[in-house]
Amino acid sequence: MNAAPLSERLESLIQEAYDARRRRYRGSALGWRLLYGPRRALSGAQVAFVGLNPGGQSVDPAHGTLSTEAGSAYCKAVEDWGPSSTLQDQVIALFRRLDVAPEDVIAGNLVPFRSASEDTLTGASEAIAFGRTLWKEILAEVRPRLVVSIGRTANREVSGLLLVRDAQTYPTGWGAHTASRGRFPGGTWIGLPHLSRFGIMTRRKSEAAMDALFKDID
């Protein structure tokens, strides 16, 4: 295995892949971003939170790429996402439920390449395959005891990487939409609907469902 620190290996791999994408897919240069918290979380964080890829149509030069050293990007005191702040509120509510400091979570994107939406992610299959290689290494080295992912694609990919077994579906208190929970060697995986669209972490009608989904998570 490469003896370089994990953060250095990740940054080199992503930048090389991003440069190749820029050459192959002209017009897809919307930047990249991996971790939404400090890189120190790569050293044994107990909780991981994984979305699909960074959204938006432009790069804020004040935001980090590999990591966010000022703290968790989900905290509005660190970054203000404007119209996307609903996601920030939901994720912070999730971390509060888990009783974990936001900056102590290894939070990031399966795919580091930015797109306005999942549907507009250029070369999606290739990008997702690349993301799998990144997170296979991250999860193997960090070994969090709890991994939470959001959205159908991220849930599928992350549960596959973790070799989740005995997954069960749980109601969310939001119509027919469900969450999933299962075990992997060394921990628990929870897959949620995308929190930018389903505000289940702060919704009173979803409170009992979230209590059941997160029961006995310590």
C-alpha atoms as a PDB file:
ATOM      1  CA  MET A   1       0.000   0.000   0.000  1.00  0.00           C
ATOM      2  CA  ASN A   2       1.184   3.522  -0.713  1.00  0.00           C
ATOM      3  CA  ALA A   3       2.860   4.847   2.446  1.00  0.00           C
ATOM      4  CA  ALA A   4       1.697   8.445   1.843  1.00  0.00           C
ATOM      5  CA  PRO A   5      -1.010   9.725   4.232  1.00  0.00           C
ATOM      6  CA  LEU A   6      -4.549   8.897   3.160  1.00  0.00           C
ATOM      7  CA  SER A   7      -5.405  12.570   2.630  1.00  0.00           C
ATOM      8  CA  GLU A   8      -2.495  13.018   0.221  1.00  0.00           C
ATOM      9  CA  ARG A   9      -3.369   9.884  -1.723  1.00  0.00           C
ATOM     10  CA  LEU A  10      -6.994  10.950  -2.044  1.00  0.00           C
ATOM     11  CA  GLU A  11      -6.151  14.470  -3.176  1.00  0.00           C
ATOM     12  CA  SER A  12      -3.729  13.196  -5.826  1.00  0.00           C
ATOM     13  CA  LEU A  13      -6.170  10.587  -7.148  1.00  0.00           C
ATOM     14  CA  ILE A  14      -9.083  13.015  -7.352  1.00  0.00           C
ATOM     15  CA  GLN A  15      -7.148  15.825  -8.992  1.00  0.00           C
ATOM     16  CA  GLU A  16      -5.750  13.430 -11.604  1.00  0.00           C
ATOM     17  CA  ALA A  17      -9.220  12.032 -12.339  1.00  0.00           C
ATOM     18  CA  TYR A  18     -10.743  15.514 -12.437  1.00  0.00           C
ATOM     19  CA  ASP A  19      -8.148  16.738 -14.916  1.00  0.00           C
ATOM     20  CA  ALA A  20      -8.854  13.705 -17.102  1.00  0.00           C
ATOM     21  CA  ARG A  21     -12.593  14.446 -16.970  1.00  0.00           C
ATOM     22  CA  ARG A  22     -11.971  18.034 -18.042  1.00  0.00           C
ATOM     23  CA  ARG A  23     -10.105  16.797 -21.091  1.00  0.00           C
ATOM     24  CA  ARG A  24     -12.649  14.126 -21.935  1.00  0.00           C
ATOM     25  CA  TYR A  25     -15.872  15.988 -21.163  1.00  0.00           C
ATOM     26  CA  ARG A  26     -15.455  19.588 -22.195  1.00  0.00           C
ATOM     27  CA  GLY A  27     -17.751  21.914 -20.270  1.00  0.00           C
ATOM     28  CA  SER A  28     -17.898  19.699 -17.167  1.00  0.00           C
ATOM     29  CA  ALA A  29     -15.324  21.681 -15.192  1.00  0.00           C
ATOM     30  CA  LEU A  30     -17.456  22.535 -12.167  1.00  0.00           C
ATOM     31  CA  GLY A  31     -14.789  21.619  -9.642  1.00  0.00           C
ATOM     32  CA  TRP A  32     -14.606  18.875  -7.068  1.00  0.00           C
ATOM     33  CA  ARG A  33     -15.106  18.462  -3.360  1.00  0.00           C
ATOM     34  CA  LEU A  34     -14.748  15.417  -1.123  1.00  0.00           C
ATOM     35  CA  LEU A  35     -14.961  16.068   2.627  1.00  0.00           C
ATOM     36  CA  TYR A  36     -17.283  18.530   4.361  1.00  0.00           C
ATOM     37  CA  GLY A  37     -15.202  18.599   7.527  1.00  0.00           C
ATOM     38  CA  PRO A  38     -11.565  18.614   8.654  1.00  0.00           C
ATOM     39  CA  ARG A  39      -9.249  15.953   7.263  1.00  0.00           C
ATOM     40  CA  ARG A  40      -8.404  14.867  10.810  1.00  0.00           C
ATOM     41  CA  ALA A  41     -11.663  12.894  10.694  1.00  0.00           C
ATOM     42  CA  LEU A  42      -9.790  10.475   8.422  1.00  0.00           C
ATOM     43  CA  SER A  43      -7.935   9.366  11.548  1.00  0.00           C
ATOM     44  CA  GLY A  44     -10.488   7.123  13.195  1.00  0.00           C
ATOM     45  CA  ALA A  45     -13.829   8.965  13.018  1.00  0.00           C
ATOM     46  CA  GLN A  46     -16.594   6.864  14.566  1.00  0.00           C
ATOM     47  CA  VAL A  47     -19.371   8.234  12.342  1.00  0.00           C
ATOM     48  CA  ALA A  48     -19.449   8.694   8.566  1.00  0.00           C
ATOM     49  CA  PHE A  49     -22.029  10.584   6.520  1.00  0.00           C
ATOM     50  CA  VAL A  50     -22.057  10.151   2.733  1.00  0.00           C
ATOM     51  CA  GLY A  51     -24.040  11.887   0.002  1.00  0.00           C
ATOM     52  CA  LEU A  52     -23.735  11.386  -3.741  1.00  0.00           C
ATOM     53  CA  ASN A  53     -21.862  14.429  -5.072  1.00  0.00           C
ATOM     54  CA  PRO A  54     -21.515  18.177  -4.531  1.00  0.00           C
ATOM     55  CA  GLY A  55     -24.313  20.194  -6.091  1.00  0.00           C
ATOM     56  CA  GLY A  56     -24.504  23.633  -7.612  1.00  0.00           C
ATOM     57  CA  GLN A  57     -23.347  25.194 -10.847  1.00  0.00           C
ATOM     58  CA  SER A  58     -20.312  27.141  -9.655  1.00  0.00           C
ATOM     59  CA  VAL A  59     -17.367  26.878  -7.298  1.00  0.00           C
ATOM     60  CA  ASP A  60     -17.087  29.108  -4.243  1.00  0.00           C
ATOM     61  CA  PRO A  61     -13.344  29.760  -3.872  1.00  0.00           C
ATOM     62  CA  ALA A  62     -13.793  30.071  -0.112  1.00  0.00           C
ATOM     63  CA  HIS A  63     -14.903  26.437   0.134  1.00  0.00           C
ATOM     64  CA  GLY A  64     -12.463  23.581   0.551  1.00  0.00           C
ATOM     65  CA  THR A  65     -11.848  20.824  -1.980  1.00  0.00           C
ATOM     66  CA  LEU A  66     -10.362  17.833  -0.200  1.00  0.00           C
ATOM     67  CA  SER A  67     -11.572  19.017   3.209  1.00  0.00           C
ATOM     68  CA  THR A  68     -13.107  21.891   5.161  1.00  0.00           C
ATOM     69  CA  GLU A  69     -10.563  22.808   7.798  1.00  0.00           C
ATOM     70  CA  ALA A  70     -12.647  25.578   9.407  1.00  0.00           C
ATOM     71  CA  GLY A  71     -15.135  23.015  10.715  1.00  0.00           C
ATOM     72  CA  SER A  72     -18.166  21.266   9.293  1.00  0.00           C
ATOM     73  CA  ALA A  73     -19.524  22.787   6.092  1.00  0.00           C
ATOM     74  CA  TYR A  74     -22.978  21.748   7.279  1.00  0.00           C
ATOM     75  CA  CYS A  75     -22.743  24.424  10.006  1.00  0.00           C
ATOM     76  CA  LYS A  76     -24.045  27.748   8.756  1.00  0.00           C
ATOM     77  CA  ALA A  77     -21.423  29.533  10.838  1.00  0.00           C
ATOM     78  CA  VAL A  78     -18.813  27.876   8.619  1.00  0.00           C
ATOM     79  CA  GLU A  79     -20.609  28.059   5.253  1.00  0.00           C
ATOM     80  CA  ASP A  80     -23.921  29.621   4.199  1.00  0.00           C
ATOM     81  CA  TRP A  81     -25.502  27.656   1.370  1.00  0.00           C
ATOM     82  CA  GLY A  82     -28.438  30.003   0.873  1.00  0.00           C
ATOM     83  CA  PRO A  83     -31.234  28.122  -0.934  1.00  0.00           C
ATOM     84  CA  SER A  84     -29.555  24.811  -0.035  1.00  0.00           C
ATOM     85  CA  SER A  85     -29.458  25.560   3.685  1.00  0.00           C
ATOM     86  CA  THR A  86     -32.352  23.159   4.295  1.00  0.00           C
ATOM     87  CA  LEU A  87     -29.881  20.320   3.811  1.00  0.00           C
ATOM     88  CA  GLN A  88     -27.534  21.918   6.326  1.00  0.00           C
ATOM     89  CA  ASP A  89     -30.336  22.119   8.906  1.00  0.00           C
ATOM     90  CA  GLN A  90     -31.273  18.475   8.397  1.00  0.00           C
ATOM     91  CA  VAL A  91     -27.729  17.159   8.598  1.00  0.00           C
ATOM     92  CA  ILE A  92     -26.952  19.143  11.749  1.00  0.00           C
ATOM     93  CA  ALA A  93     -30.175  17.764  13.282  1.00  0.00           C
ATOM     94  CA  LEU A  94     -28.976  14.266  12.367  1.00  0.00           C
ATOM     95  CA  PHE A  95     -25.606  14.844  14.040  1.00  0.00           C
ATOM     96  CA  ARG A  96     -27.387  16.217  17.095  1.00  0.00           C
ATOM     97  CA  ARG A  97     -29.518  13.079  17.291  1.00  0.00           C
ATOM     98  CA  LEU A  98     -26.335  10.994  17.098  1.00  0.00           C
ATOM     99  CA  ASP A  99     -24.722  13.180  19.790  1.00  0.00           C
ATOM    100  CA  VAL A 100     -21.625  13.722  17.676  1.00  0.00           C
ATOM    101  CA  ALA A 101     -19.843  17.005  16.989  1.00  0.00           C
ATOM    102  CA  PRO A 102     -20.232  17.880  13.278  1.00  0.00           C
ATOM    103  CA  GLU A 103     -16.491  18.409  12.840  1.00  0.00           C
ATOM    104  CA  ASP A 104     -15.818  14.893  14.191  1.00  0.00           C
ATOM    105  CA  VAL A 105     -17.854  13.200  11.442  1.00  0.00           C
ATOM    106  CA  ILE A 106     -16.180  11.995   8.279  1.00  0.00           C
ATOM    107  CA  ALA A 107     -18.757  13.654   6.042  1.00  0.00           C
ATOM    108  CA  GLY A 108     -18.460  13.827   2.286  1.00  0.00           C
ATOM    109  CA  ASN A 109     -19.497  12.771  -1.176  1.00  0.00           C
ATOM    110  CA  LEU A 110     -19.253   9.379  -2.820  1.00  0.00           C
ATOM    111  CA  VAL A 111     -18.446  11.170  -6.090  1.00  0.00           C
ATOM    112  CA  PRO A 112     -16.302  14.286  -5.640  1.00  0.00           C
ATOM    113  CA  PHE A 113     -17.201  15.841  -8.997  1.00  0.00           C
ATOM    114  CA  ARG A 114     -19.758  18.663  -8.914  1.00  0.00           C
ATOM    115  CA  SER A 115     -22.952  18.751 -10.965  1.00  0.00           C
ATOM    116  CA  ALA A 116     -26.148  20.766 -10.765  1.00  0.00           C
ATOM    117  CA  SER A 117     -28.090  17.534 -10.160  1.00  0.00           C
ATOM    118  CA  GLU A 118     -27.583  13.788 -10.291  1.00  0.00           C
ATOM    119  CA  ASP A 119     -29.219  13.716 -13.716  1.00  0.00           C
ATOM    120  CA  THR A 120     -26.617  16.125 -15.101  1.00  0.00           C
ATOM    121  CA  LEU A 121     -23.552  14.318 -13.725  1.00  0.00           C
ATOM    122  CA  THR A 122     -21.475  13.762 -16.852  1.00  0.00           C
ATOM    123  CA  GLY A 123     -20.144  10.225 -17.260  1.00  0.00           C
ATOM    124  CA  ALA A 124     -22.143   9.145 -14.220  1.00  0.00           C
ATOM    125  CA  SER A 125     -21.316   5.424 -14.301  1.00  0.00           C
ATOM    126  CA  GLU A 126     -17.610   6.134 -14.607  1.00  0.00           C
ATOM    127  CA  ALA A 127     -17.763   8.788 -11.870  1.00  0.00           C
ATOM    128  CA  ILE A 128     -19.624   6.482  -9.482  1.00  0.00           C
ATOM    129  CA  ALA A 129     -17.126   3.680 -10.124  1.00  0.00           C
ATOM    130  CA  PHE A 130     -14.323   6.103  -9.258  1.00  0.00           C
ATOM    131  CA  GLY A 131     -16.163   7.106  -6.093  1.00  0.00           C
ATOM    132  CA  ARG A 132     -16.409   3.458  -5.080  1.00  0.00           C
ATOM    133  CA  THR A 133     -12.624   3.102  -5.240  1.00  0.00           C
ATOM    134  CA  LEU A 134     -12.169   6.209  -3.072  1.00  0.00           C
ATOM    135  CA  TRP A 135     -14.622   5.198  -0.394  1.00  0.00           C
ATOM    136  CA  LYS A 136     -13.515   1.588  -0.332  1.00  0.00           C
ATOM    137  CA  GLU A 137     -10.130   2.876   0.795  1.00  0.00           C
ATOM    138  CA  ILE A 138     -11.565   5.518   3.134  1.00  0.00           C
ATOM    139  CA  LEU A 139     -13.919   3.146   4.922  1.00  0.00           C
ATOM    140  CA  ALA A 140     -11.296   0.409   5.180  1.00  0.00           C
ATOM    141  CA  GLU A 141      -8.801   2.763   6.782  1.00  0.00           C
ATOM    142  CA  VAL A 142     -11.093   4.851   8.998  1.00  0.00           C
ATOM    143  CA  ARG A 143     -13.445   2.009  10.068  1.00  0.00           C
ATOM    144  CA  PRO A 144     -16.386   4.052  11.388  1.00  0.00           C
ATOM    145  CA  ARG A 145     -18.855   2.178  13.577  1.00  0.00           C
ATOM    146  CA  LEU A 146     -21.844   3.989  12.043  1.00  0.00           C
ATOM    147  CA  VAL A 147     -22.275   4.982   8.405  1.00  0.00           C
ATOM    148  CA  VAL A 148     -25.257   7.055   7.265  1.00  0.00           C
ATOM    149  CA  SER A 149     -25.905   7.726   3.592  1.00  0.00           C
ATOM    150  CA  ILE A 150     -28.620   9.704   1.826  1.00  0.00           C
ATOM    151  CA  GLY A 151     -30.372   9.302  -1.506  1.00  0.00           C
ATOM    152  CA  ARG A 152     -31.064   6.204  -3.584  1.00  0.00           C
ATOM    153  CA  THR A 153     -27.770   6.042  -5.462  1.00  0.00           C
ATOM    154  CA  ALA A 154     -25.520   6.741  -2.488  1.00  0.00           C
ATOM    155  CA  ASN A 155     -27.504   4.272  -0.374  1.00  0.00           C
ATOM    156  CA  ARG A 156     -27.067   1.536  -2.968  1.00  0.00           C
ATOM    157  CA  GLU A 157     -23.370   2.159  -3.441  1.00  0.00           C
ATOM    158  CA  VAL A 158     -22.427   2.645   0.213  1.00  0.00           C
ATOM    159  CA  SER A 159     -24.361  -0.405   1.429  1.00  0.00           C
ATOM    160  CA  GLY A 160     -22.653  -2.433  -1.288  1.00  0.00           C
ATOM    161  CA  LEU A 161     -19.196  -1.223  -0.284  1.00  0.00           C
ATOM    162  CA  LEU A 162     -19.875  -2.096   3.344  1.00  0.00           C
ATOM    163  CA  LEU A 163     -21.266  -5.549   2.506  1.00  0.00           C
ATOM    164  CA  VAL A 164     -24.372  -4.718   4.522  1.00  0.00           C
ATOM    165  CA  ARG A 165     -26.408  -7.706   5.620  1.00  0.00           C
ATOM    166  CA  ASP A 166     -29.854  -8.159   7.160  1.00  0.00           C
ATOM    167  CA  ALA A 167     -31.012  -4.767   5.897  1.00  0.00           C
ATOM    168  CA  GLN A 168     -34.555  -3.874   6.870  1.00  0.00           C
ATOM    169  CA  THR A 169     -36.805  -1.040   5.792  1.00  0.00           C
ATOM    170  CA  TYR A 170     -38.286   1.424   8.242  1.00  0.00           C
ATOM    171  CA  PRO A 171     -41.061   3.997   7.837  1.00  0.00           C
ATOM    172  CA  THR A 172     -40.003   7.635   7.862  1.00  0.00           C
ATOM    173  CA  GLY A 173     -43.345   9.167   8.780  1.00  0.00           C
ATOM    174  CA  TRP A 174     -43.402  10.743   5.302  1.00  0.00           C
ATOM    175  CA  GLY A 175     -45.959   8.872   3.235  1.00  0.00           C
ATOM    176  CA  ALA A 176     -44.627   5.674   1.701  1.00  0.00           C
ATOM    177  CA  HIS A 177     -41.007   6.810   1.777  1.00  0.00           C
ATOM    178  CA  THR A 178     -38.760   4.511   3.767  1.00  0.00           C
ATOM    179  CA  ALA A 179     -35.290   4.335   5.286  1.00  0.00           C
ATOM    180  CA  SER A 180     -33.045   1.291   5.610  1.00  0.00           C
ATOM    181  CA  ARG A 181     -30.876  -0.117   8.364  1.00  0.00           C
ATOM    182  CA  GLY A 182     -28.492  -3.064   8.371  1.00  0.00           C
ATOM    183  CA  ARG A 183     -25.286  -4.435   9.795  1.00  0.00           C
ATOM    184  CA  PHE A 184     -21.821  -4.580   8.301  1.00  0.00           C
ATOM    185  CA  PRO A 185     -18.674  -6.090   9.808  1.00  0.00           C
ATOM    186  CA  GLY A 186     -17.873  -3.724  12.648  1.00  0.00           C
ATOM    187  CA  GLY A 187     -20.909  -1.494  12.608  1.00  0.00           C
ATOM    188  CA  THR A 188     -24.321  -0.269  11.485  1.00  0.00           C
ATOM    189  CA  TRP A 189     -25.430   1.321   8.230  1.00  0.00           C
ATOM    190  CA  ILE A 190     -28.465   3.574   7.871  1.00  0.00           C
ATOM    191  CA  GLY A 191     -29.748   4.744   4.493  1.00  0.00           C
ATOM    192  CA  LEU A 192     -32.036   7.783   4.445  1.00  0.00           C
ATOM    193  CA  PRO A 193     -34.051   9.511   1.742  1.00  0.00           C
ATOM    194  CA  HIS A 194     -32.256  12.597   0.504  1.00  0.00           C
ATOM    195  CA  LEU A 195     -32.492  15.147   3.304  1.00  0.00           C
ATOM    196  CA  SER A 196     -32.638  18.113   0.947  1.00  0.00           C
ATOM    197  CA  ARG A 197     -36.092  16.953  -0.124  1.00  0.00           C
ATOM    198  CA  PHE A 198     -37.314  15.069   2.915  1.00  0.00           C
ATOM    199  CA  GLY A 199     -36.936  17.052   6.128  1.00  0.00           C
ATOM    200  CA  ILE A 200     -37.492  14.026   8.338  1.00  0.00           C
ATOM    201  CA  MET A 201     -34.883  14.920  10.940  1.00  0.00           C
ATOM    202  CA  THR A 202     -36.824  17.943  12.198  1.00  0.00           C
ATOM    203  CA  ARG A 203     -40.375  16.993  11.172  1.00  0.00           C
ATOM    204  CA  ARG A 204     -42.621  16.353  14.138  1.00  0.00           C
ATOM    205  CA  LYS A 205     -44.671  13.749  12.249  1.00  0.00           C
ATOM    206  CA  SER A 206     -41.453  11.820  11.595  1.00  0.00           C
ATOM    207  CA  GLU A 207     -40.115  11.943  15.142  1.00  0.00           C
ATOM    208  CA  ALA A 208     -41.450   8.548  16.268  1.00  0.00           C
ATOM    209  CA  ALA A 209     -40.212   6.927  13.059  1.00  0.00           C
ATOM    210  CA  MET A 210     -36.733   8.391  13.555  1.00  0.00           C
ATOM    211  CA  ASP A 211     -36.726   7.210  17.186  1.00  0.00           C
ATOM    212  CA  ALA A 212     -37.347   3.662  15.952  1.00  0.00           C
ATOM    213  CA  LEU A 213     -34.824   3.864  13.124  1.00  0.00           C
ATOM    214  CA  PHE A 214     -32.020   5.141  15.361  1.00  0.00           C
ATOM    215  CA  LYS A 215     -32.894   3.046  18.417  1.00  0.00           C
ATOM    216  CA  ASP A 216     -29.880   1.598  20.239  1.00  0.00           C
ATOM    217  CA  ILE A 217     -27.382   3.551  18.139  1.00  0.00           C
ATOM    218  CA  ASP A 218     -24.654   4.533  20.568  1.00  0.00           C
END
